[in-house]
Amino acid sequence: MRYQKASEILPVELVKLIQDYIDGEYVYIPRKQENKKNWGEASRTREELRLRNMEIFVRYSRGMSTRELAEQYFLSEKSIQRIVLQEKKMRRGENMGGKSE
């Protein structure tokens, strides 16, 4: 998100009307509902975390401890446990015909 000068993109009358409500301050104008993006959609963060979590689960399944994984991924052991449980549930759902729990 970047700032734009209202005087450069809005009609003069509208700028004057807005100044009646808020003069010289910053105003955030939210996106229209139909233009909103889901979290991580624009930056691919969601996909990167998904791949990381799958990798953690595979390493855990191959015998790596939650402590080792926590140190390697700079997460708490509780976070590793949550990720492993989440991946187990998701895989269990895939094995039951694509229905997740």
N, C-alpha and C. Protein backbone atom coordinates (compact mmCIF):
# COMPACT_ATOMS: atom_id res chain seq x y z
N MET A 1 0.85 -1.17 0.00
CA MET A 1 0.00 0.00 0.00
C MET A 1 0.90 1.23 0.00
N ARG A 2 0.55 2.20 -0.83
CA ARG A 2 1.31 3.44 -0.87
C ARG A 2 0.36 4.62 -0.75
N TYR A 3 0.91 5.70 -0.28
CA TYR A 3 0.10 6.91 -0.14
C TYR A 3 0.01 7.63 -1.47
N GLN A 4 -1.14 8.23 -1.70
CA GLN A 4 -1.35 9.07 -2.87
C GLN A 4 -1.94 10.38 -2.41
N LYS A 5 -1.57 11.47 -3.06
CA LYS A 5 -2.13 12.77 -2.70
C LYS A 5 -3.57 12.86 -3.20
N ALA A 6 -4.46 13.15 -2.29
CA ALA A 6 -5.88 13.26 -2.65
C ALA A 6 -6.08 14.33 -3.71
N SER A 7 -5.34 15.42 -3.59
CA SER A 7 -5.51 16.52 -4.54
C SER A 7 -5.11 16.14 -5.96
N GLU A 8 -4.34 15.07 -6.10
CA GLU A 8 -3.91 14.63 -7.42
C GLU A 8 -4.85 13.60 -8.05
N ILE A 9 -5.71 12.98 -7.23
CA ILE A 9 -6.56 11.92 -7.78
C ILE A 9 -8.05 12.15 -7.58
N LEU A 10 -8.42 13.08 -6.71
CA LEU A 10 -9.84 13.33 -6.43
C LEU A 10 -10.26 14.71 -6.92
N PRO A 11 -11.52 14.86 -7.23
CA PRO A 11 -12.01 16.19 -7.62
C PRO A 11 -11.86 17.18 -6.46
N VAL A 12 -11.63 18.44 -6.78
CA VAL A 12 -11.40 19.49 -5.78
C VAL A 12 -12.56 19.56 -4.78
N GLU A 13 -13.78 19.42 -5.27
CA GLU A 13 -14.95 19.50 -4.39
C GLU A 13 -14.93 18.38 -3.34
N LEU A 14 -14.52 17.21 -3.76
CA LEU A 14 -14.47 16.07 -2.84
C LEU A 14 -13.36 16.26 -1.80
N VAL A 15 -12.23 16.78 -2.21
CA VAL A 15 -11.14 17.05 -1.28
C VAL A 15 -11.60 18.05 -0.22
N LYS A 16 -12.28 19.11 -0.65
CA LYS A 16 -12.78 20.12 0.29
C LYS A 16 -13.78 19.51 1.27
N LEU A 17 -14.64 18.63 0.78
CA LEU A 17 -15.62 17.97 1.63
C LEU A 17 -14.92 17.07 2.67
N ILE A 18 -13.92 16.33 2.25
CA ILE A 18 -13.17 15.47 3.17
C ILE A 18 -12.45 16.32 4.21
N GLN A 19 -11.93 17.47 3.79
CA GLN A 19 -11.23 18.36 4.72
C GLN A 19 -12.16 18.87 5.82
N ASP A 20 -13.47 18.91 5.56
CA ASP A 20 -14.43 19.29 6.59
C ASP A 20 -14.46 18.26 7.72
N TYR A 21 -14.16 17.03 7.39
CA TYR A 21 -14.17 15.95 8.38
C TYR A 21 -12.80 15.71 9.00
N ILE A 22 -11.79 15.76 8.17
CA ILE A 22 -10.43 15.48 8.66
C ILE A 22 -9.46 16.31 7.83
N ASP A 23 -8.83 17.27 8.47
CA ASP A 23 -8.00 18.25 7.77
C ASP A 23 -6.51 17.94 8.00
N GLY A 24 -5.84 17.52 6.94
CA GLY A 24 -4.40 17.30 7.02
C GLY A 24 -3.98 16.00 7.68
N GLU A 25 -4.91 15.10 7.94
CA GLU A 25 -4.60 13.82 8.57
C GLU A 25 -4.61 12.71 7.53
N TYR A 26 -4.11 11.54 7.92
CA TYR A 26 -4.14 10.39 7.02
C TYR A 26 -5.47 9.67 7.14
N VAL A 27 -5.97 9.20 6.01
CA VAL A 27 -7.22 8.45 5.97
C VAL A 27 -6.96 7.17 5.18
N TYR A 28 -7.37 6.05 5.74
CA TYR A 28 -7.26 4.78 5.02
C TYR A 28 -8.59 4.51 4.35
N ILE A 29 -8.55 4.25 3.07
CA ILE A 29 -9.77 3.90 2.34
C ILE A 29 -9.66 2.42 1.99
N PRO A 30 -10.50 1.59 2.60
CA PRO A 30 -10.40 0.14 2.40
C PRO A 30 -10.79 -0.26 0.98
N ARG A 31 -10.30 -1.42 0.58
CA ARG A 31 -10.65 -1.97 -0.73
C ARG A 31 -12.13 -2.33 -0.76
N LYS A 32 -12.68 -2.38 -1.95
CA LYS A 32 -14.03 -2.90 -2.12
C LYS A 32 -13.99 -4.39 -1.79
N GLN A 33 -15.06 -4.90 -1.26
CA GLN A 33 -15.11 -6.30 -0.85
C GLN A 33 -14.71 -7.25 -1.98
N GLU A 34 -15.18 -6.96 -3.19
CA GLU A 34 -14.90 -7.85 -4.32
C GLU A 34 -13.43 -7.79 -4.77
N ASN A 35 -12.68 -6.78 -4.33
CA ASN A 35 -11.28 -6.66 -4.72
C ASN A 35 -10.31 -7.12 -3.63
N LYS A 36 -10.84 -7.54 -2.50
CA LYS A 36 -9.98 -7.96 -1.39
C LYS A 36 -9.27 -9.26 -1.73
N LYS A 37 -8.04 -9.38 -1.23
CA LYS A 37 -7.27 -10.59 -1.42
C LYS A 37 -7.15 -11.30 -0.08
N ASN A 38 -7.06 -12.61 -0.12
CA ASN A 38 -6.87 -13.38 1.09
C ASN A 38 -5.47 -13.17 1.62
N TRP A 39 -5.32 -13.41 2.93
CA TRP A 39 -4.02 -13.26 3.55
C TRP A 39 -2.99 -14.11 2.84
N GLY A 40 -1.84 -13.51 2.51
CA GLY A 40 -0.75 -14.24 1.90
C GLY A 40 -0.89 -14.46 0.40
N GLU A 41 -1.99 -14.05 -0.16
CA GLU A 41 -2.25 -14.30 -1.59
C GLU A 41 -1.30 -13.51 -2.48
N ALA A 42 -1.07 -12.26 -2.16
CA ALA A 42 -0.23 -11.42 -3.01
C ALA A 42 1.25 -11.73 -2.85
N SER A 43 1.67 -12.10 -1.65
CA SER A 43 3.10 -12.30 -1.39
C SER A 43 3.53 -13.76 -1.44
N ARG A 44 2.62 -14.67 -1.62
CA ARG A 44 2.88 -16.11 -1.64
C ARG A 44 3.29 -16.65 -0.26
N THR A 45 3.12 -15.88 0.79
CA THR A 45 3.47 -16.32 2.13
C THR A 45 2.70 -17.57 2.53
N ARG A 46 1.43 -17.59 2.20
CA ARG A 46 0.59 -18.74 2.56
C ARG A 46 1.16 -20.02 1.95
N GLU A 47 1.55 -19.98 0.68
CA GLU A 47 2.10 -21.15 0.00
C GLU A 47 3.45 -21.55 0.60
N GLU A 48 4.28 -20.57 0.93
CA GLU A 48 5.58 -20.86 1.53
C GLU A 48 5.41 -21.55 2.89
N LEU A 49 4.47 -21.08 3.69
CA LEU A 49 4.22 -21.70 5.00
C LEU A 49 3.66 -23.11 4.84
N ARG A 50 2.83 -23.29 3.84
CA ARG A 50 2.25 -24.62 3.56
C ARG A 50 3.37 -25.61 3.22
N LEU A 51 4.30 -25.19 2.39
CA LEU A 51 5.43 -26.05 2.01
C LEU A 51 6.33 -26.32 3.22
N ARG A 52 6.58 -25.29 4.02
CA ARG A 52 7.39 -25.46 5.23
C ARG A 52 6.74 -26.46 6.18
N ASN A 53 5.44 -26.35 6.37
CA ASN A 53 4.73 -27.25 7.29
C ASN A 53 4.76 -28.70 6.79
N MET A 54 4.63 -28.88 5.48
CA MET A 54 4.72 -30.22 4.92
C MET A 54 6.11 -30.81 5.15
N GLU A 55 7.12 -29.98 4.97
CA GLU A 55 8.51 -30.40 5.18
C GLU A 55 8.73 -30.79 6.64
N ILE A 56 8.19 -30.00 7.56
CA ILE A 56 8.31 -30.31 8.99
C ILE A 56 7.67 -31.66 9.28
N PHE A 57 6.49 -31.89 8.73
CA PHE A 57 5.78 -33.16 8.97
C PHE A 57 6.58 -34.34 8.43
N VAL A 58 7.13 -34.20 7.24
CA VAL A 58 7.92 -35.29 6.64
C VAL A 58 9.14 -35.59 7.52
N ARG A 59 9.82 -34.57 7.95
CA ARG A 59 11.01 -34.77 8.80
C ARG A 59 10.63 -35.40 10.14
N TYR A 60 9.50 -34.96 10.69
CA TYR A 60 9.02 -35.55 11.93
C TYR A 60 8.69 -37.03 11.72
N SER A 61 8.03 -37.34 10.61
CA SER A 61 7.65 -38.71 10.28
C SER A 61 8.87 -39.61 10.10
N ARG A 62 9.97 -39.02 9.70
CA ARG A 62 11.21 -39.78 9.49
C ARG A 62 12.06 -39.88 10.76
N GLY A 63 11.51 -39.36 11.87
CA GLY A 63 12.18 -39.56 13.15
C GLY A 63 12.82 -38.34 13.79
N MET A 64 12.74 -37.20 13.17
CA MET A 64 13.32 -36.01 13.77
C MET A 64 12.45 -35.57 14.95
N SER A 65 13.06 -35.18 16.04
CA SER A 65 12.30 -34.81 17.24
C SER A 65 11.73 -33.40 17.11
N THR A 66 10.71 -33.13 17.93
CA THR A 66 10.10 -31.79 17.91
C THR A 66 11.12 -30.75 18.36
N ARG A 67 12.00 -31.12 19.26
CA ARG A 67 13.04 -30.19 19.72
C ARG A 67 13.98 -29.82 18.58
N GLU A 68 14.43 -30.85 17.84
CA GLU A 68 15.33 -30.59 16.71
C GLU A 68 14.65 -29.72 15.65
N LEU A 69 13.40 -30.03 15.37
CA LEU A 69 12.66 -29.26 14.38
C LEU A 69 12.46 -27.82 14.84
N ALA A 70 12.16 -27.64 16.11
CA ALA A 70 11.96 -26.30 16.66
C ALA A 70 13.23 -25.47 16.50
N GLU A 71 14.37 -26.08 16.79
CA GLU A 71 15.65 -25.37 16.65
C GLU A 71 15.94 -25.05 15.19
N GLN A 72 15.68 -26.00 14.31
CA GLN A 72 15.99 -25.82 12.90
C GLN A 72 15.11 -24.75 12.25
N TYR A 73 13.83 -24.69 12.64
CA TYR A 73 12.89 -23.76 12.01
C TYR A 73 12.63 -22.51 12.86
N PHE A 74 13.33 -22.38 13.97
CA PHE A 74 13.18 -21.22 14.86
C PHE A 74 11.74 -21.05 15.33
N LEU A 75 11.13 -22.18 15.72
CA LEU A 75 9.78 -22.20 16.25
C LEU A 75 9.79 -22.84 17.63
N SER A 76 8.72 -22.68 18.37
CA SER A 76 8.61 -23.36 19.66
C SER A 76 8.23 -24.83 19.42
N GLU A 77 8.50 -25.66 20.41
CA GLU A 77 8.11 -27.06 20.28
C GLU A 77 6.59 -27.18 20.17
N LYS A 78 5.86 -26.32 20.86
CA LYS A 78 4.39 -26.32 20.76
C LYS A 78 3.94 -26.03 19.34
N SER A 79 4.61 -25.10 18.68
CA SER A 79 4.26 -24.79 17.29
C SER A 79 4.52 -26.00 16.39
N ILE A 80 5.62 -26.69 16.61
CA ILE A 80 5.93 -27.88 15.83
C ILE A 80 4.86 -28.94 16.07
N GLN A 81 4.47 -29.13 17.31
CA GLN A 81 3.44 -30.12 17.64
C GLN A 81 2.12 -29.77 16.96
N ARG A 82 1.77 -28.48 16.95
CA ARG A 82 0.54 -28.03 16.30
C ARG A 82 0.59 -28.30 14.80
N ILE A 83 1.73 -28.01 14.18
CA ILE A 83 1.90 -28.24 12.75
C ILE A 83 1.78 -29.72 12.42
N VAL A 84 2.44 -30.57 13.22
CA VAL A 84 2.40 -32.01 12.99
C VAL A 84 0.97 -32.52 13.11
N LEU A 85 0.26 -32.10 14.15
CA LEU A 85 -1.12 -32.54 14.34
C LEU A 85 -2.00 -32.08 13.18
N GLN A 86 -1.81 -30.85 12.77
CA GLN A 86 -2.59 -30.30 11.65
C GLN A 86 -2.33 -31.09 10.36
N GLU A 87 -1.08 -31.41 10.10
CA GLU A 87 -0.74 -32.18 8.90
C GLU A 87 -1.30 -33.61 8.98
N LYS A 88 -1.25 -34.21 10.17
CA LYS A 88 -1.82 -35.55 10.34
C LYS A 88 -3.31 -35.55 10.02
N LYS A 89 -4.02 -34.55 10.56
CA LYS A 89 -5.46 -34.46 10.32
C LYS A 89 -5.76 -34.26 8.84
N MET A 90 -4.97 -33.42 8.20
CA MET A 90 -5.20 -33.13 6.80
C MET A 90 -4.95 -34.38 5.94
N ARG A 91 -3.90 -35.10 6.25
CA ARG A 91 -3.59 -36.32 5.49
C ARG A 91 -4.63 -37.41 5.75
N ARG A 92 -5.12 -37.48 6.97
CA ARG A 92 -6.16 -38.44 7.30
C ARG A 92 -7.41 -38.13 6.49
N GLY A 93 -7.72 -36.84 6.35
CA GLY A 93 -8.87 -36.41 5.56
C GLY A 93 -8.71 -36.74 4.09
N GLU A 94 -7.48 -36.62 3.57
CA GLU A 94 -7.23 -36.95 2.16
C GLU A 94 -7.41 -38.44 1.91
N ASN A 95 -7.04 -39.25 2.89
CA ASN A 95 -7.17 -40.69 2.74
C ASN A 95 -8.61 -41.17 2.85
N MET A 96 -9.50 -40.29 3.30
CA MET A 96 -10.91 -40.64 3.46
C MET A 96 -11.75 -40.04 2.34
N GLY A 97 -11.15 -39.88 1.19
CA GLY A 97 -11.90 -39.38 0.04
C GLY A 97 -11.93 -37.88 -0.08
N GLY A 98 -10.92 -37.20 0.46
CA GLY A 98 -10.83 -35.76 0.30
C GLY A 98 -11.61 -34.95 1.32
N LYS A 99 -12.27 -35.61 2.24
CA LYS A 99 -13.02 -34.90 3.27
C LYS A 99 -12.10 -34.64 4.45
N SER A 100 -11.95 -33.36 4.81
CA SER A 100 -11.11 -33.05 5.96
C SER A 100 -11.97 -32.97 7.21
N GLU A 101 -11.32 -33.20 8.35
CA GLU A 101 -12.05 -33.20 9.63
C GLU A 101 -12.23 -31.80 10.13
